[in-house]
Protein backbone atom coordinates (compact mmCIF):
# COMPACT_ATOMS: atom_id res chain seq x y z
CA UNK A 1 0.00 0.00 0.00
CA UNK A 2 1.34 3.44 -0.94
CA UNK A 3 1.28 6.37 1.40
CA UNK A 4 -0.37 9.56 0.20
CA UNK A 5 3.06 11.13 -0.36
CA UNK A 6 4.25 8.11 -2.35
CA UNK A 7 1.09 8.17 -4.45
CA UNK A 8 1.52 11.87 -5.14
CA UNK A 9 5.17 11.38 -6.20
CA UNK A 10 4.12 8.48 -8.45
CA UNK A 11 1.36 10.56 -10.05
CA UNK A 12 3.69 13.54 -10.56
CA UNK A 13 6.32 11.33 -12.24
CA UNK A 14 3.62 9.70 -14.37
CA UNK A 15 2.36 13.09 -15.57
CA UNK A 16 5.91 14.39 -16.10
CA UNK A 17 6.78 11.35 -18.22
CA UNK A 18 3.71 11.89 -20.41
CA UNK A 19 4.27 15.62 -20.68
CA UNK A 20 7.88 14.99 -21.72
CA UNK A 21 6.56 12.46 -24.28
CA UNK A 22 9.27 10.10 -23.03
CA UNK A 23 8.15 6.57 -23.87
CA UNK A 24 10.86 4.95 -21.76
CA UNK A 25 9.69 6.86 -18.67
CA UNK A 26 6.04 6.23 -19.51
CA UNK A 27 6.57 2.49 -19.95
CA UNK A 28 8.58 2.27 -16.72
CA UNK A 29 5.18 2.47 -14.99
CA UNK A 30 4.06 -0.78 -16.66
CA UNK A 31 5.10 -4.39 -16.09
CA UNK A 32 6.77 -6.24 -18.97
CA UNK A 33 3.69 -8.43 -19.42
CA UNK A 34 1.23 -5.53 -19.57
CA UNK A 35 -2.05 -6.13 -21.39
CA UNK A 36 -4.06 -3.18 -22.62
CA UNK A 37 -7.53 -3.22 -24.17
CA UNK A 38 -9.44 -0.38 -25.77
CA UNK A 39 -11.54 0.09 -28.91
CA UNK A 40 -8.96 2.67 -30.03
CA UNK A 41 -6.44 -0.16 -30.52
CA UNK A 42 -8.64 -1.57 -33.29
CA UNK A 43 -8.74 1.79 -35.03
CA UNK A 44 -5.16 2.92 -34.48
CA UNK A 45 -3.29 -0.38 -34.68
CA UNK A 46 -5.59 -2.52 -36.80
CA UNK A 47 -5.66 -5.18 -34.06
CA UNK A 48 -9.16 -6.72 -34.25
CA UNK A 49 -9.12 -8.01 -30.68
CA UNK A 50 -8.58 -4.49 -29.33
CA UNK A 51 -5.90 -5.89 -27.01
CA UNK A 52 -2.14 -5.41 -26.95
CA UNK A 53 0.25 -7.64 -25.00
CA UNK A 54 3.70 -6.63 -23.81
CA UNK A 55 5.58 -3.37 -23.61
CA UNK A 56 6.70 -3.40 -27.24
CA UNK A 57 3.13 -3.48 -28.55
CA UNK A 58 2.02 -0.86 -26.03
CA UNK A 59 5.03 1.30 -26.96
CA UNK A 60 4.04 1.24 -30.64
CA UNK A 61 0.47 2.19 -29.72
CA UNK A 62 1.50 5.08 -27.46
CA UNK A 63 3.98 6.31 -30.11
CA UNK A 64 1.20 6.53 -32.69
CA UNK A 65 -1.19 8.08 -30.19
CA UNK A 66 1.35 10.72 -29.12
CA UNK A 67 2.09 11.56 -32.74
CA UNK A 68 -1.65 12.18 -33.27
CA UNK A 69 -2.14 14.28 -30.13
CA UNK A 70 0.79 16.69 -30.05
CA UNK A 71 -0.76 18.96 -27.41
CA UNK A 72 -1.56 16.21 -24.88
CA UNK A 73 -0.84 17.46 -21.37
CA UNK A 74 -1.49 16.04 -17.91
CA UNK A 75 -1.69 17.89 -14.62
CA UNK A 76 -1.95 16.32 -11.16
CA UNK A 77 -4.74 18.13 -9.34
CA UNK A 78 -4.78 16.27 -6.03
PDB file of N, CA and C in Angstrom:
ATOM      1  N   UNK A   1       0.828  -1.169   0.000  1.00  0.00           N
ATOM      2  CA  UNK A   1       0.000   0.000   0.000  1.00  0.00           C
ATOM      3  C   UNK A   1       0.885   1.250   0.000  1.00  0.00           C
ATOM      4  N   UNK A   2       0.591   2.186  -0.860  1.00  0.00           N
ATOM      5  CA  UNK A   2       1.337   3.445  -0.938  1.00  0.00           C
ATOM      6  C   UNK A   2       0.803   4.437   0.098  1.00  0.00           C
ATOM      7  N   UNK A   3       1.712   5.242   0.590  1.00  0.00           N
ATOM      8  CA  UNK A   3       1.276   6.370   1.404  1.00  0.00           C
ATOM      9  C   UNK A   3       0.767   7.462   0.458  1.00  0.00           C
ATOM     10  N   UNK A   4       0.120   8.444   1.011  1.00  0.00           N
ATOM     11  CA  UNK A   4      -0.374   9.556   0.195  1.00  0.00           C
ATOM     12  C   UNK A   4       0.793  10.260  -0.497  1.00  0.00           C
ATOM     13  N   UNK A   5       1.885  10.483   0.229  1.00  0.00           N
ATOM     14  CA  UNK A   5       3.059  11.132  -0.363  1.00  0.00           C
ATOM     15  C   UNK A   5       3.662  10.297  -1.491  1.00  0.00           C
ATOM     16  N   UNK A   6       3.729   8.997  -1.297  1.00  0.00           N
ATOM     17  CA  UNK A   6       4.253   8.106  -2.351  1.00  0.00           C
ATOM     18  C   UNK A   6       3.339   8.141  -3.575  1.00  0.00           C
ATOM     19  N   UNK A   7       2.044   8.123  -3.345  1.00  0.00           N
ATOM     20  CA  UNK A   7       1.087   8.168  -4.454  1.00  0.00           C
ATOM     21  C   UNK A   7       1.200   9.481  -5.220  1.00  0.00           C
ATOM     22  N   UNK A   8       1.372  10.570  -4.498  1.00  0.00           N
ATOM     23  CA  UNK A   8       1.521  11.868  -5.145  1.00  0.00           C
ATOM     24  C   UNK A   8       2.796  11.918  -5.983  1.00  0.00           C
ATOM     25  N   UNK A   9       3.908  11.423  -5.443  1.00  0.00           N
ATOM     26  CA  UNK A   9       5.168  11.383  -6.203  1.00  0.00           C
ATOM     27  C   UNK A   9       5.015  10.513  -7.453  1.00  0.00           C
ATOM     28  N   UNK A  10       4.348   9.359  -7.305  1.00  0.00           N
ATOM     29  CA  UNK A  10       4.121   8.476  -8.447  1.00  0.00           C
ATOM     30  C   UNK A  10       3.302   9.204  -9.520  1.00  0.00           C
ATOM     31  N   UNK A  11       2.231   9.852  -9.102  1.00  0.00           N
ATOM     32  CA  UNK A  11       1.362  10.556 -10.046  1.00  0.00           C
ATOM     33  C   UNK A  11       2.108  11.702 -10.726  1.00  0.00           C
ATOM     34  N   UNK A  12       2.921  12.432  -9.979  1.00  0.00           N
ATOM     35  CA  UNK A  12       3.686  13.536 -10.561  1.00  0.00           C
ATOM     36  C   UNK A  12       4.714  13.027 -11.576  1.00  0.00           C
ATOM     37  N   UNK A  13       5.368  11.914 -11.285  1.00  0.00           N
ATOM     38  CA  UNK A  13       6.321  11.335 -12.235  1.00  0.00           C
ATOM     39  C   UNK A  13       5.595  10.820 -13.466  1.00  0.00           C
ATOM     40  N   UNK A  14       4.433  10.210 -13.258  1.00  0.00           N
ATOM     41  CA  UNK A  14       3.625   9.700 -14.374  1.00  0.00           C
ATOM     42  C   UNK A  14       3.266  10.856 -15.308  1.00  0.00           C
ATOM     43  N   UNK A  15       2.742  11.936 -14.749  1.00  0.00           N
ATOM     44  CA  UNK A  15       2.358  13.091 -15.565  1.00  0.00           C
ATOM     45  C   UNK A  15       3.584  13.709 -16.240  1.00  0.00           C
ATOM     46  N   UNK A  16       4.687  13.820 -15.520  1.00  0.00           N
ATOM     47  CA  UNK A  16       5.908  14.394 -16.098  1.00  0.00           C
ATOM     48  C   UNK A  16       6.408  13.550 -17.264  1.00  0.00           C
ATOM     49  N   UNK A  17       6.338  12.238 -17.140  1.00  0.00           N
ATOM     50  CA  UNK A  17       6.776  11.350 -18.225  1.00  0.00           C
ATOM     51  C   UNK A  17       5.918  11.566 -19.472  1.00  0.00           C
ATOM     52  N   UNK A  18       4.607  11.639 -19.275  1.00  0.00           N
ATOM     53  CA  UNK A  18       3.709  11.890 -20.414  1.00  0.00           C
ATOM     54  C   UNK A  18       3.947  13.262 -21.012  1.00  0.00           C
ATOM     55  N   UNK A  19       4.076  14.263 -20.172  1.00  0.00           N
ATOM     56  CA  UNK A  19       4.266  15.624 -20.682  1.00  0.00           C
ATOM     57  C   UNK A  19       5.598  15.783 -21.405  1.00  0.00           C
ATOM     58  N   UNK A  20       6.592  14.989 -21.028  1.00  0.00           N
ATOM     59  CA  UNK A  20       7.878  14.986 -21.723  1.00  0.00           C
ATOM     60  C   UNK A  20       7.831  14.121 -22.984  1.00  0.00           C
ATOM     61  N   UNK A  21       6.742  13.361 -23.132  1.00  0.00           N
ATOM     62  CA  UNK A  21       6.561  12.465 -24.284  1.00  0.00           C
ATOM     63  C   UNK A  21       7.697  11.444 -24.350  1.00  0.00           C
ATOM     64  N   UNK A  22       8.140  11.018 -23.182  1.00  0.00           N
ATOM     65  CA  UNK A  22       9.274  10.099 -23.032  1.00  0.00           C
ATOM     66  C   UNK A  22       8.744   8.681 -22.841  1.00  0.00           C
ATOM     67  N   UNK A  23       8.738   7.916 -23.923  1.00  0.00           N
ATOM     68  CA  UNK A  23       8.150   6.573 -23.867  1.00  0.00           C
ATOM     69  C   UNK A  23       8.863   5.646 -22.890  1.00  0.00           C
ATOM     70  N   UNK A  24      10.163   5.786 -22.735  1.00  0.00           N
ATOM     71  CA  UNK A  24      10.859   4.946 -21.759  1.00  0.00           C
ATOM     72  C   UNK A  24      10.361   5.228 -20.339  1.00  0.00           C
ATOM     73  N   UNK A  25      10.211   6.500 -20.006  1.00  0.00           N
ATOM     74  CA  UNK A  25       9.694   6.858 -18.674  1.00  0.00           C
ATOM     75  C   UNK A  25       8.237   6.453 -18.518  1.00  0.00           C
ATOM     76  N   UNK A  26       7.446   6.626 -19.560  1.00  0.00           N
ATOM     77  CA  UNK A  26       6.035   6.226 -19.506  1.00  0.00           C
ATOM     78  C   UNK A  26       5.935   4.727 -19.253  1.00  0.00           C
ATOM     79  N   UNK A  27       6.664   3.948 -20.037  1.00  0.00           N
ATOM     80  CA  UNK A  27       6.569   2.494 -19.945  1.00  0.00           C
ATOM     81  C   UNK A  27       7.200   1.929 -18.683  1.00  0.00           C
ATOM     82  N   UNK A  28       8.018   2.713 -17.999  1.00  0.00           N
ATOM     83  CA  UNK A  28       8.581   2.265 -16.725  1.00  0.00           C
ATOM     84  C   UNK A  28       7.481   2.056 -15.680  1.00  0.00           C
ATOM     85  N   UNK A  29       6.312   2.629 -15.909  1.00  0.00           N
ATOM     86  CA  UNK A  29       5.182   2.474 -14.993  1.00  0.00           C
ATOM     87  C   UNK A  29       4.385   1.195 -15.262  1.00  0.00           C
ATOM     88  N   UNK A  30       4.763   0.438 -16.272  1.00  0.00           N
ATOM     89  CA  UNK A  30       4.056  -0.780 -16.665  1.00  0.00           C
ATOM     90  C   UNK A  30       4.948  -1.999 -16.443  1.00  0.00           C
ATOM     91  N   UNK A  31       4.334  -3.138 -16.175  1.00  0.00           N
ATOM     92  CA  UNK A  31       5.098  -4.386 -16.095  1.00  0.00           C
ATOM     93  C   UNK A  31       5.393  -4.866 -17.518  1.00  0.00           C
ATOM     94  N   UNK A  32       6.391  -5.736 -17.654  1.00  0.00           N
ATOM     95  CA  UNK A  32       6.774  -6.243 -18.974  1.00  0.00           C
ATOM     96  C   UNK A  32       5.639  -7.005 -19.651  1.00  0.00           C
ATOM     97  N   UNK A  33       4.772  -7.623 -18.854  1.00  0.00           N
ATOM     98  CA  UNK A  33       3.689  -8.433 -19.420  1.00  0.00           C
ATOM     99  C   UNK A  33       2.358  -7.678 -19.437  1.00  0.00           C
ATOM    100  N   UNK A  34       2.431  -6.360 -19.545  1.00  0.00           N
ATOM    101  CA  UNK A  34       1.229  -5.532 -19.568  1.00  0.00           C
ATOM    102  C   UNK A  34       0.282  -5.978 -20.678  1.00  0.00           C
ATOM    103  N   UNK A  35      -1.009  -5.924 -20.389  1.00  0.00           N
ATOM    104  CA  UNK A  35      -2.047  -6.129 -21.395  1.00  0.00           C
ATOM    105  C   UNK A  35      -2.954  -4.915 -21.355  1.00  0.00           C
ATOM    106  N   UNK A  36      -3.256  -4.402 -22.523  1.00  0.00           N
ATOM    107  CA  UNK A  36      -4.059  -3.185 -22.623  1.00  0.00           C
ATOM    108  C   UNK A  36      -5.158  -3.422 -23.639  1.00  0.00           C
ATOM    109  N   UNK A  37      -6.385  -3.052 -23.273  1.00  0.00           N
ATOM    110  CA  UNK A  37      -7.526  -3.224 -24.175  1.00  0.00           C
ATOM    111  C   UNK A  37      -8.305  -1.922 -24.278  1.00  0.00           C
ATOM    112  N   UNK A  38      -8.614  -1.553 -25.496  1.00  0.00           N
ATOM    113  CA  UNK A  38      -9.437  -0.377 -25.766  1.00  0.00           C
ATOM    114  C   UNK A  38      -9.910  -0.441 -27.219  1.00  0.00           C
ATOM    115  N   UNK A  39     -11.092   0.064 -27.508  1.00  0.00           N
ATOM    116  CA  UNK A  39     -11.538   0.093 -28.908  1.00  0.00           C
ATOM    117  C   UNK A  39     -10.622   0.929 -29.804  1.00  0.00           C
ATOM    118  N   UNK A  40      -9.879   1.853 -29.226  1.00  0.00           N
ATOM    119  CA  UNK A  40      -8.962   2.668 -30.028  1.00  0.00           C
ATOM    120  C   UNK A  40      -7.823   1.841 -30.615  1.00  0.00           C
ATOM    121  N   UNK A  41      -7.482   0.724 -29.995  1.00  0.00           N
ATOM    122  CA  UNK A  41      -6.439  -0.159 -30.522  1.00  0.00           C
ATOM    123  C   UNK A  41      -6.856  -0.717 -31.875  1.00  0.00           C
ATOM    124  N   UNK A  42      -8.130  -1.061 -32.009  1.00  0.00           N
ATOM    125  CA  UNK A  42      -8.638  -1.572 -33.292  1.00  0.00           C
ATOM    126  C   UNK A  42      -8.427  -0.512 -34.366  1.00  0.00           C
ATOM    127  N   UNK A  43      -8.820   0.706 -34.055  1.00  0.00           N
ATOM    128  CA  UNK A  43      -8.744   1.793 -35.031  1.00  0.00           C
ATOM    129  C   UNK A  43      -7.303   2.205 -35.334  1.00  0.00           C
ATOM    130  N   UNK A  44      -6.499   2.377 -34.307  1.00  0.00           N
ATOM    131  CA  UNK A  44      -5.156   2.924 -34.476  1.00  0.00           C
ATOM    132  C   UNK A  44      -4.133   1.883 -34.920  1.00  0.00           C
ATOM    133  N   UNK A  45      -4.280   0.653 -34.412  1.00  0.00           N
ATOM    134  CA  UNK A  45      -3.287  -0.381 -34.680  1.00  0.00           C
ATOM    135  C   UNK A  45      -3.766  -1.463 -35.643  1.00  0.00           C
ATOM    136  N   UNK A  46      -5.060  -1.477 -35.929  1.00  0.00           N
ATOM    137  CA  UNK A  46      -5.589  -2.516 -36.800  1.00  0.00           C
ATOM    138  C   UNK A  46      -5.623  -3.886 -36.149  1.00  0.00           C
ATOM    139  N   UNK A  47      -5.622  -3.918 -34.821  1.00  0.00           N
ATOM    140  CA  UNK A  47      -5.664  -5.180 -34.064  1.00  0.00           C
ATOM    141  C   UNK A  47      -7.127  -5.473 -33.726  1.00  0.00           C
ATOM    142  N   UNK A  48      -7.729  -6.473 -34.409  1.00  0.00           N
ATOM    143  CA  UNK A  48      -9.165  -6.716 -34.251  1.00  0.00           C
ATOM    144  C   UNK A  48      -9.610  -7.070 -32.829  1.00  0.00           C
ATOM    145  N   UNK A  49      -8.735  -7.639 -32.039  1.00  0.00           N
ATOM    146  CA  UNK A  49      -9.116  -8.008 -30.679  1.00  0.00           C
ATOM    147  C   UNK A  49      -9.230  -6.782 -29.772  1.00  0.00           C
ATOM    148  N   UNK A  50      -8.596  -5.674 -30.164  1.00  0.00           N
ATOM    149  CA  UNK A  50      -8.583  -4.486 -29.328  1.00  0.00           C
ATOM    150  C   UNK A  50      -7.660  -4.613 -28.133  1.00  0.00           C
ATOM    151  N   UNK A  51      -6.793  -5.630 -28.145  1.00  0.00           N
ATOM    152  CA  UNK A  51      -5.896  -5.890 -27.008  1.00  0.00           C
ATOM    153  C   UNK A  51      -4.450  -5.959 -27.483  1.00  0.00           C
ATOM    154  N   UNK A  52      -3.576  -5.326 -26.716  1.00  0.00           N
ATOM    155  CA  UNK A  52      -2.137  -5.407 -26.952  1.00  0.00           C
ATOM    156  C   UNK A  52      -1.505  -6.122 -25.780  1.00  0.00           C
ATOM    157  N   UNK A  53      -0.444  -6.882 -26.048  1.00  0.00           N
ATOM    158  CA  UNK A  53       0.253  -7.637 -25.004  1.00  0.00           C
ATOM    159  C   UNK A  53       1.737  -7.320 -25.054  1.00  0.00           C
ATOM    160  N   UNK A  54       2.271  -6.900 -23.921  1.00  0.00           N
ATOM    161  CA  UNK A  54       3.696  -6.632 -23.807  1.00  0.00           C
ATOM    162  C   UNK A  54       4.046  -5.183 -24.081  1.00  0.00           C
ATOM    163  N   UNK A  55       5.154  -4.762 -23.499  1.00  0.00           N
ATOM    164  CA  UNK A  55       5.581  -3.371 -23.609  1.00  0.00           C
ATOM    165  C   UNK A  55       5.854  -2.933 -25.037  1.00  0.00           C
ATOM    166  N   UNK A  56       6.370  -3.818 -25.876  1.00  0.00           N
ATOM    167  CA  UNK A  56       6.702  -3.399 -27.244  1.00  0.00           C
ATOM    168  C   UNK A  56       5.444  -3.029 -28.028  1.00  0.00           C
ATOM    169  N   UNK A  57       4.381  -3.808 -27.872  1.00  0.00           N
ATOM    170  CA  UNK A  57       3.132  -3.476 -28.552  1.00  0.00           C
ATOM    171  C   UNK A  57       2.516  -2.202 -27.984  1.00  0.00           C
ATOM    172  N   UNK A  58       2.563  -2.061 -26.668  1.00  0.00           N
ATOM    173  CA  UNK A  58       2.021  -0.862 -26.032  1.00  0.00           C
ATOM    174  C   UNK A  58       2.848   0.361 -26.437  1.00  0.00           C
ATOM    175  N   UNK A  59       4.160   0.203 -26.520  1.00  0.00           N
ATOM    176  CA  UNK A  59       5.033   1.300 -26.962  1.00  0.00           C
ATOM    177  C   UNK A  59       4.622   1.785 -28.359  1.00  0.00           C
ATOM    178  N   UNK A  60       4.414   0.860 -29.275  1.00  0.00           N
ATOM    179  CA  UNK A  60       4.035   1.239 -30.640  1.00  0.00           C
ATOM    180  C   UNK A  60       2.704   1.982 -30.647  1.00  0.00           C
ATOM    181  N   UNK A  61       1.778   1.530 -29.824  1.00  0.00           N
ATOM    182  CA  UNK A  61       0.468   2.187 -29.724  1.00  0.00           C
ATOM    183  C   UNK A  61       0.617   3.612 -29.182  1.00  0.00           C
ATOM    184  N   UNK A  62       1.345   3.752 -28.055  1.00  0.00           N
ATOM    185  CA  UNK A  62       1.500   5.081 -27.465  1.00  0.00           C
ATOM    186  C   UNK A  62       2.270   6.007 -28.393  1.00  0.00           C
ATOM    187  N   UNK A  63       3.245   5.488 -29.143  1.00  0.00           N
ATOM    188  CA  UNK A  63       3.978   6.311 -30.109  1.00  0.00           C
ATOM    189  C   UNK A  63       3.008   6.893 -31.129  1.00  0.00           C
ATOM    190  N   UNK A  64       2.161   6.053 -31.695  1.00  0.00           N
ATOM    191  CA  UNK A  64       1.196   6.533 -32.693  1.00  0.00           C
ATOM    192  C   UNK A  64       0.222   7.519 -32.064  1.00  0.00           C
ATOM    193  N   UNK A  65      -0.239   7.200 -30.869  1.00  0.00           N
ATOM    194  CA  UNK A  65      -1.188   8.081 -30.193  1.00  0.00           C
ATOM    195  C   UNK A  65      -0.556   9.446 -29.907  1.00  0.00           C
ATOM    196  N   UNK A  66       0.677   9.452 -29.407  1.00  0.00           N
ATOM    197  CA  UNK A  66       1.350  10.718 -29.117  1.00  0.00           C
ATOM    198  C   UNK A  66       1.587  11.530 -30.389  1.00  0.00           C
ATOM    199  N   UNK A  67       1.893  10.853 -31.475  1.00  0.00           N
ATOM    200  CA  UNK A  67       2.086  11.560 -32.741  1.00  0.00           C
ATOM    201  C   UNK A  67       0.793  12.231 -33.197  1.00  0.00           C
ATOM    202  N   UNK A  68      -0.351  11.632 -32.868  1.00  0.00           N
ATOM    203  CA  UNK A  68      -1.653  12.178 -33.271  1.00  0.00           C
ATOM    204  C   UNK A  68      -2.181  13.255 -32.327  1.00  0.00           C
ATOM    205  N   UNK A  69      -1.649  13.309 -31.116  1.00  0.00           N
ATOM    206  CA  UNK A  69      -2.136  14.279 -30.126  1.00  0.00           C
ATOM    207  C   UNK A  69      -0.934  15.082 -29.612  1.00  0.00           C
ATOM    208  N   UNK A  70      -0.427  15.986 -30.424  1.00  0.00           N
ATOM    209  CA  UNK A  70       0.793  16.691 -30.050  1.00  0.00           C
ATOM    210  C   UNK A  70       0.650  17.626 -28.847  1.00  0.00           C
ATOM    211  N   UNK A  71      -0.571  18.036 -28.529  1.00  0.00           N
ATOM    212  CA  UNK A  71      -0.756  18.961 -27.410  1.00  0.00           C
ATOM    213  C   UNK A  71      -1.278  18.276 -26.145  1.00  0.00           C
ATOM    214  N   UNK A  72      -1.150  16.957 -26.069  1.00  0.00           N
ATOM    215  CA  UNK A  72      -1.564  16.213 -24.881  1.00  0.00           C
ATOM    216  C   UNK A  72      -0.778  16.697 -23.675  1.00  0.00           C
ATOM    217  N   UNK A  73      -1.493  16.974 -22.591  1.00  0.00           N
ATOM    218  CA  UNK A  73      -0.841  17.458 -21.375  1.00  0.00           C
ATOM    219  C   UNK A  73      -1.613  16.970 -20.160  1.00  0.00           C
ATOM    220  N   UNK A  74      -0.882  16.495 -19.149  1.00  0.00           N
ATOM    221  CA  UNK A  74      -1.488  16.043 -17.906  1.00  0.00           C
ATOM    222  C   UNK A  74      -1.075  16.966 -16.782  1.00  0.00           C
ATOM    223  N   UNK A  75      -1.970  17.108 -15.811  1.00  0.00           N
ATOM    224  CA  UNK A  75      -1.692  17.891 -14.619  1.00  0.00           C
ATOM    225  C   UNK A  75      -2.268  17.149 -13.421  1.00  0.00           C
ATOM    226  N   UNK A  76      -1.478  16.974 -12.386  1.00  0.00           N
ATOM    227  CA  UNK A  76      -1.947  16.324 -11.159  1.00  0.00           C
ATOM    228  C   UNK A  76      -2.674  17.389 -10.346  1.00  0.00           C
ATOM    229  N   UNK A  77      -3.934  17.149 -10.064  1.00  0.00           N
ATOM    230  CA  UNK A  77      -4.737  18.135  -9.343  1.00  0.00           C
ATOM    231  C   UNK A  77      -4.766  17.861  -7.851  1.00  0.00           C
ATOM    232  N   UNK A  78      -4.815  16.598  -7.472  1.00  0.00           N
ATOM    233  CA  UNK A  78      -4.782  16.273  -6.035  1.00  0.00           C
ATOM    234  C   UNK A  78      -4.492  14.800  -5.873  1.00  0.00           C
TER     235      UNK A  78
END
